[in-house]
Amino acid sequence: MAGPKDDASTDIEALTKSFAVDMTAECAALRKARIELNKKAADKLAKDKKDEKKKDDKKSADPPEVTFVFDPSKATKCRTPAEQAQEVVENQSWVCWGAHMADKARHVLMKADGKVTWDPKKTMGDDYDAFKKKWGEVMKTKGLKNARGGDGWYDGDAFHLELADSKISKTDERVKACLAEYVRLSREEKKGKNEKFEKDYAGLLAEYLKKYEKEPEKK
């Protein structure tokens, strides 16, 4: 079986941390522009209607301060086949050959006013589309890809970043070990099933599921 790391892990970690810094700066610029727009709109409303209360209401609607930090949790770093299988059975991942297994993927965390948020659309509000565009631009400057190995924002696993061509081959021994462990966890340990994973990769799983299939009753 190949080693857990296909190459040095420092590249992806350094790039992800740099990405977080740059995206924090981009979000600060978006926030500044939005606050200025809000102020102009509030001033116009107050002038047109002489309604200071509405001016205050507009001010309270200013966007939160959005920052990004490197995710320090264990799940974001290099994963063994067993650790990847655990992610799959918990419906936190949907493949047994992801870039984490080659130590080429990391995550960032999004914070709104210092608190972690998992809802970027709500957090960014009217700036959501501009935010996604900036996300893709910063990814490109770092040579990073999304969870599907493509460019730009990906809703399915938004805060995942990986190096290009980083997923391991489905014939790799690590993949086989992950599939076997997933089946053991889901069948023997009864930890639950990842329905999407099983539907999408039924062919790959068939061999590992054989031992758990019931023998037909003899007549």
C-alpha atoms as a PDB file:
ATOM      1  CA  MET A   1       0.000   0.000   0.000  1.00  0.00           C
ATOM      2  CA  ALA A   2       1.268   3.459  -0.863  1.00  0.00           C
ATOM      3  CA  GLY A   3       2.228   5.758   1.959  1.00  0.00           C
ATOM      4  CA  PRO A   4      -0.320   8.202   3.366  1.00  0.00           C
ATOM      5  CA  LYS A   5       1.482  11.151   1.779  1.00  0.00           C
ATOM      6  CA  ASP A   6       2.199  11.337  -1.922  1.00  0.00           C
ATOM      7  CA  ASP A   7       4.357  14.426  -1.480  1.00  0.00           C
ATOM      8  CA  ALA A   8       5.220  17.156   1.018  1.00  0.00           C
ATOM      9  CA  SER A   9       2.208  18.306   2.993  1.00  0.00           C
ATOM     10  CA  THR A  10       3.572  21.803   3.593  1.00  0.00           C
ATOM     11  CA  ASP A  11       2.499  23.127   0.165  1.00  0.00           C
ATOM     12  CA  ILE A  12      -1.240  22.637   0.621  1.00  0.00           C
ATOM     13  CA  GLU A  13      -1.226  23.887   4.198  1.00  0.00           C
ATOM     14  CA  ALA A  14       0.727  27.036   3.369  1.00  0.00           C
ATOM     15  CA  LEU A  15      -1.444  27.737   0.327  1.00  0.00           C
ATOM     16  CA  THR A  16      -4.656  27.270   2.323  1.00  0.00           C
ATOM     17  CA  LYS A  17      -3.486  29.615   5.063  1.00  0.00           C
ATOM     18  CA  SER A  18      -2.509  32.204   2.454  1.00  0.00           C
ATOM     19  CA  PHE A  19      -5.910  31.761   0.800  1.00  0.00           C
ATOM     20  CA  ALA A  20      -7.640  32.455   4.127  1.00  0.00           C
ATOM     21  CA  VAL A  21      -5.678  35.697   4.555  1.00  0.00           C
ATOM     22  CA  ASP A  22      -6.498  36.909   1.049  1.00  0.00           C
ATOM     23  CA  MET A  23     -10.202  36.008   1.306  1.00  0.00           C
ATOM     24  CA  THR A  24     -10.435  37.872   4.602  1.00  0.00           C
ATOM     25  CA  ALA A  25      -9.083  40.954   2.821  1.00  0.00           C
ATOM     26  CA  GLU A  26     -11.518  40.513  -0.076  1.00  0.00           C
ATOM     27  CA  CYS A  27     -14.468  40.213   2.318  1.00  0.00           C
ATOM     28  CA  ALA A  28     -13.319  43.329   4.171  1.00  0.00           C
ATOM     29  CA  ALA A  29     -13.365  45.240   0.871  1.00  0.00           C
ATOM     30  CA  LEU A  30     -16.846  43.945   0.041  1.00  0.00           C
ATOM     31  CA  ARG A  31     -18.066  44.921   3.509  1.00  0.00           C
ATOM     32  CA  LYS A  32     -16.616  48.428   3.233  1.00  0.00           C
ATOM     33  CA  ALA A  33     -18.309  48.972  -0.122  1.00  0.00           C
ATOM     34  CA  ARG A  34     -21.622  47.629   1.195  1.00  0.00           C
ATOM     35  CA  ILE A  35     -21.530  49.886   4.258  1.00  0.00           C
ATOM     36  CA  GLU A  36     -20.932  52.887   2.009  1.00  0.00           C
ATOM     37  CA  LEU A  37     -23.887  51.899  -0.178  1.00  0.00           C
ATOM     38  CA  ASN A  38     -26.066  51.426   2.910  1.00  0.00           C
ATOM     39  CA  LYS A  39     -25.081  54.847   4.208  1.00  0.00           C
ATOM     40  CA  LYS A  40     -25.894  56.539   0.920  1.00  0.00           C
ATOM     41  CA  ALA A  41     -29.255  54.770   0.774  1.00  0.00           C
ATOM     42  CA  ALA A  42     -30.026  55.715   4.390  1.00  0.00           C
ATOM     43  CA  ASP A  43     -29.029  59.343   3.843  1.00  0.00           C
ATOM     44  CA  LYS A  44     -31.224  59.550   0.751  1.00  0.00           C
ATOM     45  CA  LEU A  45     -34.159  58.000   2.576  1.00  0.00           C
ATOM     46  CA  ALA A  46     -33.753  60.394   5.489  1.00  0.00           C
ATOM     47  CA  LYS A  47     -33.557  63.363   3.152  1.00  0.00           C
ATOM     48  CA  ASP A  48     -36.561  62.271   1.095  1.00  0.00           C
ATOM     49  CA  LYS A  49     -38.783  61.322   4.009  1.00  0.00           C
ATOM     50  CA  LYS A  50     -37.112  63.152   6.891  1.00  0.00           C
ATOM     51  CA  ASP A  51     -37.248  59.882   8.794  1.00  0.00           C
ATOM     52  CA  GLU A  52     -34.205  59.537  11.085  1.00  0.00           C
ATOM     53  CA  LYS A  53     -35.513  56.272  12.523  1.00  0.00           C
ATOM     54  CA  LYS A  54     -35.244  54.592   9.153  1.00  0.00           C
ATOM     55  CA  LYS A  55     -31.733  55.912   8.852  1.00  0.00           C
ATOM     56  CA  ASP A  56     -30.831  54.112  12.087  1.00  0.00           C
ATOM     57  CA  ASP A  57     -32.560  50.954  10.884  1.00  0.00           C
ATOM     58  CA  LYS A  58     -30.466  50.964   7.745  1.00  0.00           C
ATOM     59  CA  LYS A  59     -27.291  51.332   9.752  1.00  0.00           C
ATOM     60  CA  SER A  60     -28.144  48.288  11.859  1.00  0.00           C
ATOM     61  CA  ALA A  61     -28.440  46.217   8.673  1.00  0.00           C
ATOM     62  CA  ASP A  62     -24.748  46.605   7.836  1.00  0.00           C
ATOM     63  CA  PRO A  63     -23.079  43.238   7.060  1.00  0.00           C
ATOM     64  CA  PRO A  64     -21.023  41.305   9.615  1.00  0.00           C
ATOM     65  CA  GLU A  65     -17.251  41.279   9.596  1.00  0.00           C
ATOM     66  CA  VAL A  66     -16.325  38.130   7.678  1.00  0.00           C
ATOM     67  CA  THR A  67     -12.983  36.440   8.228  1.00  0.00           C
ATOM     68  CA  PHE A  68     -11.406  33.158   7.201  1.00  0.00           C
ATOM     69  CA  VAL A  69      -9.036  30.984   9.209  1.00  0.00           C
ATOM     70  CA  PHE A  70      -7.280  27.686   8.586  1.00  0.00           C
ATOM     71  CA  ASP A  71      -9.314  24.808   9.995  1.00  0.00           C
ATOM     72  CA  PRO A  72      -7.128  23.177  12.680  1.00  0.00           C
ATOM     73  CA  SER A  73      -9.326  20.112  13.194  1.00  0.00           C
ATOM     74  CA  LYS A  74      -8.027  16.618  12.565  1.00  0.00           C
ATOM     75  CA  ALA A  75     -10.622  15.950   9.856  1.00  0.00           C
ATOM     76  CA  THR A  76      -9.103  18.557   7.552  1.00  0.00           C
ATOM     77  CA  LYS A  77      -5.653  16.979   7.411  1.00  0.00           C
ATOM     78  CA  CYS A  78      -4.158  13.802   5.982  1.00  0.00           C
ATOM     79  CA  ARG A  79      -6.496  10.827   6.452  1.00  0.00           C
ATOM     80  CA  THR A  80      -5.772   7.143   6.642  1.00  0.00           C
ATOM     81  CA  PRO A  81      -8.140   4.778   4.806  1.00  0.00           C
ATOM     82  CA  ALA A  82      -9.876   4.038   8.121  1.00  0.00           C
ATOM     83  CA  GLU A  83     -10.315   7.736   8.884  1.00  0.00           C
ATOM     84  CA  GLN A  84     -11.705   8.367   5.401  1.00  0.00           C
ATOM     85  CA  ALA A  85     -14.134   5.465   5.795  1.00  0.00           C
ATOM     86  CA  GLN A  86     -15.326   7.004   9.064  1.00  0.00           C
ATOM     87  CA  GLU A  87     -15.977  10.306   7.257  1.00  0.00           C
ATOM     88  CA  VAL A  88     -17.980   8.482   4.593  1.00  0.00           C
ATOM     89  CA  VAL A  89     -20.094   6.488   7.028  1.00  0.00           C
ATOM     90  CA  GLU A  90     -20.868   9.726   8.893  1.00  0.00           C
ATOM     91  CA  ASN A  91     -21.952  11.388   5.622  1.00  0.00           C
ATOM     92  CA  GLN A  92     -19.143  13.907   5.882  1.00  0.00           C
ATOM     93  CA  SER A  93     -17.508  12.640   2.678  1.00  0.00           C
ATOM     94  CA  TRP A  94     -18.749  10.762  -0.344  1.00  0.00           C
ATOM     95  CA  VAL A  95     -15.616   9.148  -1.782  1.00  0.00           C
ATOM     96  CA  CYS A  96     -12.876   6.748  -0.733  1.00  0.00           C
ATOM     97  CA  TRP A  97     -10.193   8.379  -2.891  1.00  0.00           C
ATOM     98  CA  GLY A  98     -10.283  12.026  -1.861  1.00  0.00           C
ATOM     99  CA  ALA A  99      -7.329  14.400  -1.817  1.00  0.00           C
ATOM    100  CA  HIS A 100      -7.146  14.233   1.984  1.00  0.00           C
ATOM    101  CA  MET A 101      -5.874  10.672   1.645  1.00  0.00           C
ATOM    102  CA  ALA A 102      -2.890  11.945  -0.356  1.00  0.00           C
ATOM    103  CA  ASP A 103      -2.347  14.833   2.076  1.00  0.00           C
ATOM    104  CA  LYS A 104      -3.233  17.363  -0.623  1.00  0.00           C
ATOM    105  CA  ALA A 105      -6.376  18.952   0.811  1.00  0.00           C
ATOM    106  CA  ARG A 106      -7.256  21.286   3.662  1.00  0.00           C
ATOM    107  CA  HIS A 107     -10.275  23.263   4.878  1.00  0.00           C
ATOM    108  CA  VAL A 108     -10.870  26.835   5.926  1.00  0.00           C
ATOM    109  CA  LEU A 109     -13.467  28.103   8.384  1.00  0.00           C
ATOM    110  CA  MET A 110     -15.712  31.101   7.724  1.00  0.00           C
ATOM    111  CA  LYS A 111     -16.473  33.414  10.629  1.00  0.00           C
ATOM    112  CA  ALA A 112     -19.038  36.188  10.922  1.00  0.00           C
ATOM    113  CA  ASP A 113     -18.215  38.649  13.686  1.00  0.00           C
ATOM    114  CA  GLY A 114     -15.887  36.042  15.157  1.00  0.00           C
ATOM    115  CA  LYS A 115     -18.344  33.141  15.146  1.00  0.00           C
ATOM    116  CA  VAL A 116     -18.053  30.173  12.784  1.00  0.00           C
ATOM    117  CA  THR A 117     -20.824  30.092  10.189  1.00  0.00           C
ATOM    118  CA  TRP A 118     -21.797  27.364   7.725  1.00  0.00           C
ATOM    119  CA  ASP A 119     -24.228  29.551   5.769  1.00  0.00           C
ATOM    120  CA  PRO A 120     -22.195  31.772   3.411  1.00  0.00           C
ATOM    121  CA  LYS A 121     -25.247  32.771   1.373  1.00  0.00           C
ATOM    122  CA  LYS A 122     -27.002  34.215   4.416  1.00  0.00           C
ATOM    123  CA  THR A 123     -23.790  35.676   5.811  1.00  0.00           C
ATOM    124  CA  MET A 124     -22.840  37.515   2.619  1.00  0.00           C
ATOM    125  CA  GLY A 125     -26.372  38.612   1.742  1.00  0.00           C
ATOM    126  CA  ASP A 126     -26.448  40.881  -1.309  1.00  0.00           C
ATOM    127  CA  ASP A 127     -22.713  40.370  -1.784  1.00  0.00           C
ATOM    128  CA  TYR A 128     -22.969  36.595  -2.152  1.00  0.00           C
ATOM    129  CA  ASP A 129     -22.427  36.534  -5.928  1.00  0.00           C
ATOM    130  CA  ALA A 130     -19.506  38.966  -5.684  1.00  0.00           C
ATOM    131  CA  PHE A 131     -18.088  36.855  -2.872  1.00  0.00           C
ATOM    132  CA  LYS A 132     -18.210  33.661  -4.950  1.00  0.00           C
ATOM    133  CA  LYS A 133     -16.478  35.426  -7.821  1.00  0.00           C
ATOM    134  CA  LYS A 134     -13.675  36.605  -5.521  1.00  0.00           C
ATOM    135  CA  TRP A 135     -13.414  33.102  -4.054  1.00  0.00           C
ATOM    136  CA  GLY A 136     -12.730  31.677  -7.502  1.00  0.00           C
ATOM    137  CA  GLU A 137     -10.226  34.399  -8.308  1.00  0.00           C
ATOM    138  CA  VAL A 138      -8.239  33.836  -5.123  1.00  0.00           C
ATOM    139  CA  MET A 139      -8.303  30.065  -5.643  1.00  0.00           C
ATOM    140  CA  LYS A 140      -6.792  30.604  -9.082  1.00  0.00           C
ATOM    141  CA  THR A 141      -3.955  32.760  -7.740  1.00  0.00           C
ATOM    142  CA  LYS A 142      -3.025  29.935  -5.323  1.00  0.00           C
ATOM    143  CA  GLY A 143      -3.419  27.130  -7.837  1.00  0.00           C
ATOM    144  CA  LEU A 144      -6.153  25.546  -5.703  1.00  0.00           C
ATOM    145  CA  LYS A 145      -9.155  23.482  -6.760  1.00  0.00           C
ATOM    146  CA  ASN A 146     -12.535  22.744  -5.179  1.00  0.00           C
ATOM    147  CA  ALA A 147     -13.743  19.407  -3.805  1.00  0.00           C
ATOM    148  CA  ARG A 148     -14.576  18.204  -7.302  1.00  0.00           C
ATOM    149  CA  GLY A 149     -11.133  19.076  -8.579  1.00  0.00           C
ATOM    150  CA  GLY A 150     -12.557  22.031 -10.511  1.00  0.00           C
ATOM    151  CA  ASP A 151     -12.293  25.794 -10.418  1.00  0.00           C
ATOM    152  CA  GLY A 152     -14.313  28.247  -8.358  1.00  0.00           C
ATOM    153  CA  TRP A 153     -17.000  27.939  -5.726  1.00  0.00           C
ATOM    154  CA  TYR A 154     -18.587  24.525  -5.129  1.00  0.00           C
ATOM    155  CA  ASP A 155     -21.672  24.347  -2.909  1.00  0.00           C
ATOM    156  CA  GLY A 156     -21.264  20.642  -2.148  1.00  0.00           C
ATOM    157  CA  ASP A 157     -18.175  21.102   0.059  1.00  0.00           C
ATOM    158  CA  ALA A 158     -17.530  24.815  -0.116  1.00  0.00           C
ATOM    159  CA  PHE A 159     -14.679  25.246   2.342  1.00  0.00           C
ATOM    160  CA  HIS A 160     -12.581  22.378   0.983  1.00  0.00           C
ATOM    161  CA  LEU A 161      -9.460  23.312  -0.993  1.00  0.00           C
ATOM    162  CA  GLU A 162      -7.088  20.926  -2.718  1.00  0.00           C
ATOM    163  CA  LEU A 163      -4.175  20.793  -5.109  1.00  0.00           C
ATOM    164  CA  ALA A 164      -4.748  20.042  -8.782  1.00  0.00           C
ATOM    165  CA  ASP A 165      -4.842  16.364  -9.800  1.00  0.00           C
ATOM    166  CA  SER A 166      -4.714  15.325  -6.159  1.00  0.00           C
ATOM    167  CA  LYS A 167      -7.290  12.536  -5.963  1.00  0.00           C
ATOM    168  CA  ILE A 168      -5.840   9.043  -5.783  1.00  0.00           C
ATOM    169  CA  SER A 169      -6.639   6.279  -8.257  1.00  0.00           C
ATOM    170  CA  LYS A 170      -9.613   4.045  -7.501  1.00  0.00           C
ATOM    171  CA  THR A 171      -7.274   1.076  -7.938  1.00  0.00           C
ATOM    172  CA  ASP A 172      -4.964   2.303  -5.159  1.00  0.00           C
ATOM    173  CA  GLU A 173      -4.609  -0.030  -2.166  1.00  0.00           C
ATOM    174  CA  ARG A 174      -5.695   2.820   0.110  1.00  0.00           C
ATOM    175  CA  VAL A 175      -9.023   2.983  -1.716  1.00  0.00           C
ATOM    176  CA  LYS A 176      -9.551  -0.747  -1.306  1.00  0.00           C
ATOM    177  CA  ALA A 177      -8.804  -0.473   2.412  1.00  0.00           C
ATOM    178  CA  CYS A 178     -11.239   2.414   2.763  1.00  0.00           C
ATOM    179  CA  LEU A 179     -14.026   0.549   0.952  1.00  0.00           C
ATOM    180  CA  ALA A 180     -13.501  -2.526   3.124  1.00  0.00           C
ATOM    181  CA  GLU A 181     -13.536  -0.443   6.293  1.00  0.00           C
ATOM    182  CA  TYR A 182     -16.669   1.448   5.217  1.00  0.00           C
ATOM    183  CA  VAL A 183     -18.488  -1.836   4.683  1.00  0.00           C
ATOM    184  CA  ARG A 184     -17.292  -3.143   8.042  1.00  0.00           C
ATOM    185  CA  LEU A 185     -18.427   0.000   9.836  1.00  0.00           C
ATOM    186  CA  SER A 186     -21.793   0.121   8.118  1.00  0.00           C
ATOM    187  CA  ARG A 187     -22.582  -3.601   8.320  1.00  0.00           C
ATOM    188  CA  GLU A 188     -20.724  -5.115  11.283  1.00  0.00           C
ATOM    189  CA  GLU A 189     -20.599  -2.045  13.492  1.00  0.00           C
ATOM    190  CA  LYS A 190     -23.962  -0.746  12.209  1.00  0.00           C
ATOM    191  CA  LYS A 191     -22.700   2.829  12.218  1.00  0.00           C
ATOM    192  CA  GLY A 192     -25.154   3.789   9.507  1.00  0.00           C
ATOM    193  CA  LYS A 193     -25.005   4.007   5.736  1.00  0.00           C
ATOM    194  CA  ASN A 194     -24.099   6.690   3.255  1.00  0.00           C
ATOM    195  CA  GLU A 195     -26.908   6.179   0.755  1.00  0.00           C
ATOM    196  CA  LYS A 196     -25.479   8.475  -1.903  1.00  0.00           C
ATOM    197  CA  PHE A 197     -22.071   6.827  -1.701  1.00  0.00           C
ATOM    198  CA  GLU A 198     -23.593   3.358  -1.991  1.00  0.00           C
ATOM    199  CA  LYS A 199     -25.788   4.355  -4.926  1.00  0.00           C
ATOM    200  CA  ASP A 200     -23.039   6.134  -6.854  1.00  0.00           C
ATOM    201  CA  TYR A 201     -20.395   3.456  -6.332  1.00  0.00           C
ATOM    202  CA  ALA A 202     -22.424   0.269  -6.066  1.00  0.00           C
ATOM    203  CA  GLY A 203     -20.082  -1.487  -8.483  1.00  0.00           C
ATOM    204  CA  LEU A 204     -17.004  -0.770  -6.401  1.00  0.00           C
ATOM    205  CA  LEU A 205     -18.709  -1.821  -3.177  1.00  0.00           C
ATOM    206  CA  ALA A 206     -20.227  -5.058  -4.510  1.00  0.00           C
ATOM    207  CA  GLU A 207     -17.126  -7.158  -3.880  1.00  0.00           C
ATOM    208  CA  TYR A 208     -16.885  -6.011  -0.256  1.00  0.00           C
ATOM    209  CA  LEU A 209     -20.578  -6.513   0.439  1.00  0.00           C
ATOM    210  CA  LYS A 210     -20.612 -10.156  -0.651  1.00  0.00           C
ATOM    211  CA  LYS A 211     -19.686 -11.522   2.770  1.00  0.00           C
ATOM    212  CA  TYR A 212     -22.635  -9.694   4.326  1.00  0.00           C
ATOM    213  CA  GLU A 213     -25.250 -10.883   1.847  1.00  0.00           C
ATOM    214  CA  LYS A 214     -27.628 -13.501   3.178  1.00  0.00           C
ATOM    215  CA  GLU A 215     -27.350 -16.951   1.669  1.00  0.00           C
ATOM    216  CA  PRO A 216     -30.567 -17.967  -0.110  1.00  0.00           C
ATOM    217  CA  GLU A 217     -32.596 -20.433   1.932  1.00  0.00           C
ATOM    218  CA  LYS A 218     -32.378 -24.028   0.747  1.00  0.00           C
ATOM    219  CA  LYS A 219     -35.669 -25.615  -0.140  1.00  0.00           C
END
